[in-house]
Protein backbone atom coordinates (compact mmCIF):
# COMPACT_ATOMS: atom_id res chain seq x y z
CA UNK A 1 36.13 -13.48 -62.27
CA UNK A 2 38.93 -15.59 -60.85
CA UNK A 3 36.36 -18.19 -59.82
CA UNK A 4 35.38 -18.79 -63.47
CA UNK A 5 38.89 -19.58 -64.79
CA UNK A 6 38.66 -23.30 -63.99
CA UNK A 7 35.38 -23.50 -65.92
CA UNK A 8 36.99 -21.89 -68.93
CA UNK A 9 39.80 -24.46 -68.91
CA UNK A 10 37.32 -27.31 -68.47
CA UNK A 11 35.26 -26.03 -71.40
CA UNK A 12 38.34 -25.92 -73.58
CA UNK A 13 39.00 -29.60 -72.80
CA UNK A 14 35.42 -30.72 -73.45
CA UNK A 15 35.03 -28.71 -76.64
CA UNK A 16 38.35 -28.99 -78.41
CA UNK A 17 36.87 -27.48 -81.56
CA UNK A 18 36.78 -24.18 -79.68
CA UNK A 19 40.54 -24.37 -79.09
CA UNK A 20 42.69 -22.61 -81.66
CA UNK A 21 45.15 -25.58 -81.92
CA UNK A 22 45.89 -29.05 -80.63
CA UNK A 23 46.85 -29.39 -76.98
CA UNK A 24 49.72 -31.65 -75.85
CA UNK A 25 49.72 -34.01 -72.87
CA UNK A 26 52.10 -31.68 -71.08
CA UNK A 27 49.69 -28.79 -71.52
CA UNK A 28 46.80 -30.86 -70.21
CA UNK A 29 48.84 -31.95 -67.20
CA UNK A 30 49.78 -28.32 -66.50
CA UNK A 31 46.13 -27.27 -66.76
CA UNK A 32 45.13 -30.03 -64.37
CA UNK A 33 47.82 -28.86 -61.93
CA UNK A 34 46.50 -25.31 -62.17
CA UNK A 35 42.96 -26.56 -61.57
CA UNK A 36 44.11 -28.41 -58.44
CA UNK A 37 45.88 -25.27 -57.19
CA UNK A 38 42.83 -23.14 -57.91
CA UNK A 39 40.53 -25.63 -56.18
CA UNK A 40 42.73 -25.63 -53.09
CA UNK A 41 42.74 -21.81 -53.08
CA UNK A 42 38.94 -21.76 -53.33
CA UNK A 43 38.72 -24.03 -50.30
CA UNK A 44 41.08 -21.73 -48.39
CA UNK A 45 39.00 -18.67 -49.36
CA UNK A 46 35.82 -20.41 -48.24
CA UNK A 47 37.41 -21.21 -44.87
CA UNK A 48 38.64 -17.62 -44.50
CA UNK A 49 35.16 -16.35 -45.39
CA UNK A 50 33.58 -18.59 -42.70
CA UNK A 51 36.05 -17.28 -40.09
CA UNK A 52 35.30 -13.69 -41.13
CA UNK A 53 31.56 -14.29 -40.73
CA UNK A 54 32.09 -15.76 -37.26
CA UNK A 55 34.20 -12.76 -36.30
CA UNK A 56 31.50 -10.39 -37.59
CA UNK A 57 28.82 -12.23 -35.58
CA UNK A 58 30.94 -12.04 -32.41
CA UNK A 59 31.52 -8.32 -32.99
CA UNK A 60 27.79 -7.69 -33.48
CA UNK A 61 27.01 -9.57 -30.26
CA UNK A 62 29.66 -7.60 -28.34
CA UNK A 63 28.33 -4.31 -29.72
CA UNK A 64 24.77 -5.23 -28.67
CA UNK A 65 25.99 -6.09 -25.16
CA UNK A 66 27.79 -2.75 -24.91
CA UNK A 67 24.70 -0.88 -26.13
CA UNK A 68 22.54 -2.58 -23.48
CA UNK A 69 25.07 -1.73 -20.78
CA UNK A 70 25.26 1.88 -21.89
CA UNK A 71 21.47 2.12 -21.96
CA UNK A 72 21.36 1.06 -18.30
CA UNK A 73 23.98 3.66 -17.31
CA UNK A 74 23.12 7.30 -16.50
CA UNK A 75 23.31 9.57 -19.49
CA UNK A 76 26.68 11.13 -20.06
CA UNK A 77 25.13 14.55 -19.49
CA UNK A 78 23.57 13.54 -16.13
CA UNK A 79 25.20 15.28 -13.18
CA UNK A 80 24.38 16.12 -9.58
CA UNK A 81 22.31 19.05 -10.80
CA UNK A 82 20.04 16.59 -12.64
CA UNK A 83 19.45 14.70 -9.39
CA UNK A 84 18.66 17.78 -7.27
CA UNK A 85 15.28 19.51 -6.93
CA UNK A 86 14.77 22.88 -5.28
CA UNK A 87 11.41 24.20 -4.10
CA UNK A 88 10.03 26.66 -1.62
CA UNK A 89 7.47 29.32 -0.83
CA UNK A 90 7.11 32.82 0.57
CA UNK A 91 4.06 34.19 2.39
CA UNK A 92 3.21 37.71 3.54
CA UNK A 93 0.43 37.85 6.15
CA UNK A 94 -1.57 40.57 7.85
CA UNK A 95 -3.36 39.56 11.07
CA UNK A 96 -6.13 41.16 13.11
CA UNK A 97 -6.79 39.38 16.42
CA UNK A 98 -9.70 40.22 18.71
CA UNK A 99 -9.78 38.12 21.91
CA UNK A 100 -12.61 38.94 24.30
CA UNK A 101 -11.34 40.72 27.40
CA UNK A 102 -8.06 41.78 25.77
CA UNK A 103 -6.96 44.54 23.44
CA UNK A 104 -7.29 44.06 19.69
CA UNK A 105 -3.98 43.16 18.08
CA UNK A 106 -2.65 43.90 14.59
CA UNK A 107 0.59 42.53 13.16
CA UNK A 108 2.39 41.76 9.90
CA UNK A 109 4.26 38.50 9.49
CA UNK A 110 6.36 36.68 6.92
CA UNK A 111 7.17 33.04 6.31
CA UNK A 112 9.81 31.77 3.90
CA UNK A 113 10.80 28.15 3.33
CA UNK A 114 13.23 26.51 0.94
CA UNK A 115 13.96 22.83 0.45
CA UNK A 116 16.59 20.89 -1.44
CA UNK A 117 16.04 17.22 -2.35
CA UNK A 118 18.75 15.02 -3.83
CA UNK A 119 18.15 11.61 -5.44
CA UNK A 120 21.42 10.08 -4.23
CA UNK A 121 20.50 6.69 -5.70
CA UNK A 122 17.55 5.09 -7.47
CA UNK A 123 15.87 4.27 -4.15
CA UNK A 124 17.16 6.92 -1.69
CA UNK A 125 16.24 10.61 -1.45
CA UNK A 126 17.94 12.96 1.01
CA UNK A 127 16.26 16.26 1.90
CA UNK A 128 17.25 19.42 3.69
CA UNK A 129 15.06 22.44 4.42
CA UNK A 130 15.39 25.87 6.01
CA UNK A 131 12.62 28.17 7.19
CA UNK A 132 12.07 31.45 8.97
CA UNK A 133 11.00 31.22 12.58
CA UNK A 134 12.28 30.27 15.99
CA UNK A 135 11.99 27.10 18.05
CA UNK A 136 8.17 26.97 17.99
CA UNK A 137 7.31 23.44 16.77
CA UNK A 138 4.09 24.58 15.05
CA UNK A 139 5.00 27.92 13.48
CA UNK A 140 7.65 29.25 11.10
CA UNK A 141 6.26 32.80 11.04
CA UNK A 142 8.33 35.87 11.85
CA UNK A 143 6.69 39.11 13.00
CA UNK A 144 7.97 42.23 11.26
CA UNK A 145 9.36 44.97 13.44
CA UNK A 146 12.16 45.38 15.93
CA UNK A 147 13.57 48.27 13.99
CA UNK A 148 14.35 46.10 10.98
CA UNK A 149 16.19 43.50 13.04
CA UNK A 150 17.44 40.34 11.35
CA UNK A 151 15.04 37.40 11.44
CA UNK A 152 15.94 33.88 12.47
CA UNK A 153 16.44 31.01 10.03
CA UNK A 154 16.01 27.50 11.43
CA UNK A 155 16.45 23.89 10.36
CA UNK A 156 13.01 22.74 9.24
CA UNK A 157 13.81 19.47 7.43
CA UNK A 158 16.70 17.00 7.43
CA UNK A 159 15.82 13.46 6.38
CA UNK A 160 16.56 10.39 4.30
CA UNK A 161 13.74 8.60 2.43
CA UNK A 162 14.45 5.00 1.41
CA UNK A 163 12.03 3.33 -1.01
CA UNK A 164 12.48 -0.24 0.16
CA UNK A 165 10.20 -1.62 -2.52
CA UNK A 166 7.49 -0.29 -4.79
CA UNK A 167 5.15 1.80 -2.63
CA UNK A 168 7.03 1.27 0.66
CA UNK A 169 9.02 4.21 2.09
CA UNK A 170 11.03 4.35 5.30
CA UNK A 171 11.94 7.87 6.43
CA UNK A 172 14.32 8.97 9.15
CA UNK A 173 15.35 12.34 10.58
CA UNK A 174 13.21 15.50 10.69
CA UNK A 175 10.57 15.22 7.98
CA UNK A 176 7.19 16.37 6.76
CA UNK A 177 4.32 14.83 8.67
CA UNK A 178 3.42 11.60 6.79
CA UNK A 179 0.03 11.14 8.50
CA UNK A 180 -3.13 11.67 6.46
CA UNK A 181 -5.01 14.87 7.31
CA UNK A 182 -8.45 14.84 5.70
CA UNK A 183 -9.24 18.00 3.83
CA UNK A 184 -5.61 18.99 4.37
CA UNK A 185 -6.69 20.58 7.65
CA UNK A 186 -4.58 20.91 10.84
CA UNK A 187 -7.18 19.41 13.17
CA UNK A 188 -4.94 17.05 15.15
CA UNK A 189 -1.56 17.98 13.65
CA UNK A 190 -0.51 21.51 12.70
CA UNK A 191 0.69 21.86 9.10
CA UNK A 192 4.04 23.33 10.22
CA UNK A 193 4.83 20.46 12.62
CA UNK A 194 7.76 18.39 11.31
CA UNK A 195 8.18 15.18 13.38
CA UNK A 196 11.61 13.93 14.42
CA UNK A 197 12.30 10.20 14.42
CA UNK A 198 11.15 7.50 12.01
CA UNK A 199 8.19 7.05 9.70
CA UNK A 200 6.81 4.46 7.30
CA UNK A 201 4.47 4.91 4.34
CA UNK A 202 3.02 2.05 2.34
CA UNK A 203 0.50 2.50 -0.45
CA UNK A 204 -0.78 -0.20 -2.79
CA UNK A 205 -3.86 -0.13 -4.97
CA UNK A 206 -6.81 0.50 -2.65
CA UNK A 207 -5.19 0.76 0.80
CA UNK A 208 -2.45 2.68 2.61
CA UNK A 209 -0.55 2.44 5.90
CA UNK A 210 1.18 5.32 7.68
CA UNK A 211 3.27 4.81 10.82
CA UNK A 212 5.31 7.25 12.85
CA UNK A 213 7.64 7.28 15.84
CA UNK A 214 8.59 10.76 17.02
CA UNK A 215 10.86 12.01 19.79
CA UNK A 216 9.15 14.77 21.74
CA UNK A 217 12.32 14.71 23.81
CA UNK A 218 15.15 12.24 23.16
CA UNK A 219 17.72 13.22 25.81
CA UNK A 220 17.46 10.69 28.64
CA UNK A 221 19.36 13.07 30.93
CA UNK A 222 16.21 15.20 30.98
CA UNK A 223 13.29 14.25 33.17
CA UNK A 224 10.73 14.58 30.37
CA UNK A 225 12.18 12.38 27.60
CA UNK A 226 9.25 11.08 25.54
CA UNK A 227 8.81 8.93 22.47
CA UNK A 228 5.40 9.02 20.79
CA UNK A 229 4.27 6.50 18.19
CA UNK A 230 1.22 5.62 16.18
CA UNK A 231 -0.18 4.78 12.81
CA UNK A 232 -3.07 4.84 10.38
CA UNK A 233 -4.71 2.28 8.16
CA UNK A 234 -6.89 3.58 5.38
CA UNK A 235 -8.55 2.71 2.10
CA UNK A 236 -9.53 4.53 -1.07
CA UNK A 237 -12.05 3.64 -3.75
CA UNK A 238 -14.65 4.96 -6.13
CA UNK A 239 -18.41 4.83 -5.80
CA UNK A 240 -19.63 5.97 -9.17
CA UNK A 241 -18.10 9.42 -9.73
CA UNK A 242 -17.26 9.86 -6.05
CA UNK A 243 -13.79 9.10 -4.70
CA UNK A 244 -13.90 7.91 -1.08
CA UNK A 245 -11.07 7.81 1.45
CA UNK A 246 -11.40 6.62 5.02
CA UNK A 247 -9.39 5.13 7.82
CA UNK A 248 -8.62 4.65 11.48
CA UNK A 249 -5.61 5.67 13.54
CA UNK A 250 -4.05 5.08 16.93
CA UNK A 251 -1.37 7.16 18.68
CA UNK A 252 0.37 6.71 22.03
CA UNK A 253 1.86 9.87 23.56
CA UNK A 254 3.15 9.09 27.10
CA UNK A 255 2.98 12.50 28.77
CA UNK A 256 1.46 11.75 32.21
CA UNK A 257 3.81 12.89 34.99
CA UNK A 258 6.13 14.69 32.54
CA UNK A 259 6.67 18.42 32.13
CA UNK A 260 6.10 20.13 28.81
CA UNK A 261 8.79 19.60 26.18
CA UNK A 262 8.41 23.17 24.88
CA UNK A 263 8.05 26.32 26.93
CA UNK A 264 7.99 27.09 30.65
CA UNK A 265 6.93 24.15 32.85
CA UNK A 266 5.63 26.60 35.49
CA UNK A 267 3.29 28.34 33.01
CA UNK A 268 -0.15 26.71 32.49
CA UNK A 269 -0.33 28.34 29.04
CA UNK A 270 2.62 26.28 27.84
CA UNK A 271 0.56 23.09 28.17
CA UNK A 272 -1.61 24.48 25.32
CA UNK A 273 -5.01 23.66 26.78
CA UNK A 274 -4.16 20.22 28.20
CA UNK A 275 -4.77 19.52 31.88
CA UNK A 276 -1.64 20.06 33.98
CA UNK A 277 -1.09 19.85 37.73
CA UNK A 278 1.63 20.77 40.14
CA UNK A 279 3.60 17.92 41.65
CA UNK A 280 1.49 18.39 44.78
CA UNK A 281 -1.66 17.68 42.75
CA UNK A 282 -2.95 21.26 42.74
CA UNK A 283 -3.96 22.82 39.43
CA UNK A 284 -1.03 24.23 37.49
CA UNK A 285 -0.41 27.89 38.38
CA UNK A 286 -1.74 27.66 41.94
CA UNK A 287 1.72 28.02 43.47
CA UNK A 288 4.09 30.58 41.87
CA UNK A 289 7.09 29.04 40.10
CA UNK A 290 5.93 25.49 40.87
CA UNK A 291 6.79 22.97 38.13
CA UNK A 292 3.74 21.43 36.46
CA UNK A 293 3.26 18.07 34.76
CA UNK A 294 0.69 16.58 32.40
CA UNK A 295 -2.14 14.82 34.21
CA UNK A 296 -2.89 12.40 31.37
CA UNK A 297 -1.29 10.37 28.65
CA UNK A 298 -2.72 10.87 25.17
CA UNK A 299 -3.79 7.46 23.89
CA UNK A 300 -5.72 8.60 20.86
CA UNK A 301 -8.11 6.69 18.62
CA UNK A 302 -8.98 8.44 15.38
CA UNK A 303 -11.59 7.88 12.66
CA UNK A 304 -11.45 9.97 9.48
CA UNK A 305 -13.16 10.09 6.08
CA UNK A 306 -13.47 12.30 3.01
CA UNK A 307 -15.34 12.23 -0.30
CA UNK A 308 -14.37 14.15 -3.43
CA UNK A 309 -16.52 14.70 -6.51
CA UNK A 310 -17.41 17.33 -9.09
CA UNK A 311 -20.37 19.67 -8.99
CA UNK A 312 -20.55 20.88 -12.56
CA UNK A 313 -17.08 22.28 -13.30
CA UNK A 314 -16.29 22.68 -9.60
CA UNK A 315 -14.28 20.08 -7.66
CA UNK A 316 -15.74 19.53 -4.19
CA UNK A 317 -14.54 17.76 -1.05
CA UNK A 318 -16.35 16.96 2.20
CA UNK A 319 -14.55 15.55 5.22
CA UNK A 320 -14.88 14.61 8.87
CA UNK A 321 -12.42 13.75 11.64
CA UNK A 322 -12.97 12.29 15.10
CA UNK A 323 -10.51 11.62 17.91
CA UNK A 324 -10.84 10.30 21.48
CA UNK A 325 -8.30 10.10 24.31
CA UNK A 326 -8.96 6.92 26.29
CA UNK A 327 -6.68 7.94 29.20
CA UNK A 328 -8.81 10.94 30.18
CA UNK A 329 -12.25 10.40 31.67
CA UNK A 330 -13.61 13.83 30.78
CA UNK A 331 -13.11 16.49 28.09
CA UNK A 332 -11.55 13.75 25.98
CA UNK A 333 -13.23 14.07 22.55
CA UNK A 334 -12.57 16.17 19.48
CA UNK A 335 -14.23 16.30 16.09
CA UNK A 336 -14.45 18.41 12.94
CA UNK A 337 -16.53 18.46 9.77
CA UNK A 338 -16.05 20.61 6.71
CA UNK A 339 -16.05 21.15 2.97
CA UNK A 340 -13.78 22.53 0.26
CA UNK A 341 -15.07 23.86 -3.07
CA UNK A 342 -12.98 24.87 -6.08
CA UNK A 343 -9.22 25.06 -6.54
CA UNK A 344 -6.45 27.61 -7.19
CA UNK A 345 -4.11 25.77 -9.51
CA UNK A 346 -4.26 28.39 -12.25
CA UNK A 347 -5.01 32.03 -12.95
CA UNK A 348 -8.54 33.16 -12.10
CA UNK A 349 -9.51 30.05 -10.10
CA UNK A 350 -11.06 30.37 -6.64
CA UNK A 351 -11.44 28.10 -3.63
CA UNK A 352 -13.64 28.26 -0.56
CA UNK A 353 -13.09 26.14 2.56
CA UNK A 354 -15.14 25.85 5.74
CA UNK A 355 -15.04 23.64 8.80
CA UNK A 356 -16.39 23.50 12.32
CA UNK A 357 -14.19 21.96 15.02
CA UNK A 358 -14.58 21.13 18.70
CA UNK A 359 -11.37 20.27 20.58
CA UNK A 360 -12.01 19.37 24.20
CA UNK A 361 -9.14 20.05 26.58
CA UNK A 362 -7.67 16.54 26.68
CA UNK A 363 -8.88 15.19 23.34
CA UNK A 364 -5.40 15.54 21.75
CA UNK A 365 -1.93 16.87 22.50
CA UNK A 366 -2.29 20.65 22.44
CA UNK A 367 1.38 21.22 21.64
CA UNK A 368 1.14 19.91 18.07
CA UNK A 369 -2.40 20.88 17.01
CA UNK A 370 -3.38 23.95 14.96
CA UNK A 371 -1.54 27.06 16.21
CA UNK A 372 -4.09 29.49 14.69
CA UNK A 373 -7.52 28.07 15.62
CA UNK A 374 -8.56 29.81 18.84
CA UNK A 375 -4.98 31.02 19.27
CA UNK A 376 -3.62 27.46 19.31
CA UNK A 377 -3.95 24.33 21.44
CA UNK A 378 -7.05 22.56 22.71
CA UNK A 379 -10.10 23.60 24.74
CA UNK A 380 -11.41 25.47 21.68
CA UNK A 381 -14.36 25.21 19.34
CA UNK A 382 -15.89 27.18 16.51
CA UNK A 383 -15.84 28.02 12.81
CA UNK A 384 -13.06 28.55 10.28
CA UNK A 385 -13.59 30.04 6.82
CA UNK A 386 -11.07 30.54 4.01
CA UNK A 387 -11.24 32.11 0.56
CA UNK A 388 -8.37 31.90 -1.97
CA UNK A 389 -7.95 33.40 -5.44
CA UNK A 390 -5.33 32.30 -7.98
CA UNK A 391 -3.48 35.20 -9.60
CA UNK A 392 -1.22 32.74 -11.41
CA UNK A 393 -0.10 29.13 -11.05
CA UNK A 394 2.42 30.15 -8.41
CA UNK A 395 0.72 33.14 -6.76
CA UNK A 396 -2.43 33.13 -4.62
CA UNK A 397 -4.12 35.67 -2.39
CA UNK A 398 -6.60 34.74 0.31
CA UNK A 399 -8.26 35.42 3.61
CA UNK A 400 -9.02 33.28 6.67
CA UNK A 401 -11.47 34.12 9.42
CA UNK A 402 -11.83 32.36 12.77
CA UNK A 403 -14.96 32.62 14.92
CA UNK A 404 -14.02 30.63 18.03
CA UNK A 405 -14.73 30.08 21.70
CA UNK A 406 -11.83 29.33 24.05
CA UNK A 407 -11.15 28.18 27.63
CA UNK A 408 -14.29 26.09 27.80
CA UNK A 409 -13.19 23.57 30.45
CA UNK A 410 -11.97 26.23 32.89
CA UNK A 411 -15.36 27.92 33.10
CA UNK A 412 -13.87 31.17 31.78
CA UNK A 413 -15.29 30.81 28.27
CA UNK A 414 -14.60 33.75 25.96
CA UNK A 415 -14.87 34.65 22.29
CA UNK A 416 -11.87 34.71 19.97
CA UNK A 417 -12.02 36.25 16.48
CA UNK A 418 -9.12 36.39 14.06
CA UNK A 419 -8.65 37.59 10.48
CA UNK A 420 -5.62 36.66 8.37
CA UNK A 421 -4.99 38.02 4.87
CA UNK A 422 -2.29 36.18 2.91
CA UNK A 423 -0.29 36.57 -0.28
CA UNK A 424 1.71 33.46 -1.11
CA UNK A 425 4.18 32.55 -3.86
CA UNK A 426 5.41 29.03 -4.54
CA UNK A 427 8.36 28.07 -6.70
CA UNK A 428 10.02 24.93 -7.97
């Protein structure tokens, strides 16, 4: 309303008939003075209004900047518990083992594992895992008995995983085996083997690269310090409704002239099917208490492939694996072929798996291959069958049956049959 006062005074000057009486020169001069004062005040108010608008714009910009900064910060409620993941599993197993020429064996075993993973930053994960078991590199089982004696708990995982860039991971410490195992089977590498050293995984679109460097023995004060390394290059793609995965691998395991890194170097059995000799050149075990060494290195070339597709409502997978040791001139080839039908991801689902494998004595390092097939190690061949049933998403029951032949290269071939019945629970 104040802004209209000057107009009222102007109107009274222009239309004197509207004024109630004559106006003197002094009154007109006073009105003009008031108009000048009001005009100056209007200019001051306009300037103040402009400054206020600028201040409001600066405040809005500052608020927007703060909101963006806050959006990039972890939520106020985020704590270490939000960055930590726990998982694990428990398995109860009954075993019946029938090796030809020896007494039938029955035993009950347990396996429990728990892992903790912490996302310490956006690109680094640190993991730590414990498991039942002893120092066996390919088994975390514990046999029940001993009058209820306490069972051992061991360090199973301790690693750092750095995601250098999208799809590229560098891992160091003691970690899960990063190498691709077609069909998920322990043909060359047992599923319980956790390498110690460094690894690299890179996966982009249609191809992947896995590399590993593992200390079989890192103490240079020992006579058998060994560093094994290798890698895989593979590709994935679709052919119609079929997903295909295939690749090649190479591994260098310098064992020739070294004693075993696990077990008794005077016991031929602790070379797990690989050819070992005494330092004199005689076969291992010829001379009592004589130290034995590996005869060969294990320079392995691998070719692997798998195809997955649906048969009606059933997912199906077929796979093959081939490996050759170029350092050995004989008994140097291993291969497997198999299939997997169904899945046990939910209640009532079933899965059947079968494969046939032939592991010649020096086709691969016996220490780290499947510890169950033929009793473990190389110089074995035969069939493996598995059936699993899902009781719930986290609980499965199943059975495995091995029909194998062992000790083929020694000329003392014998049959080996084994039944394992499992109940397993997983949690996360």
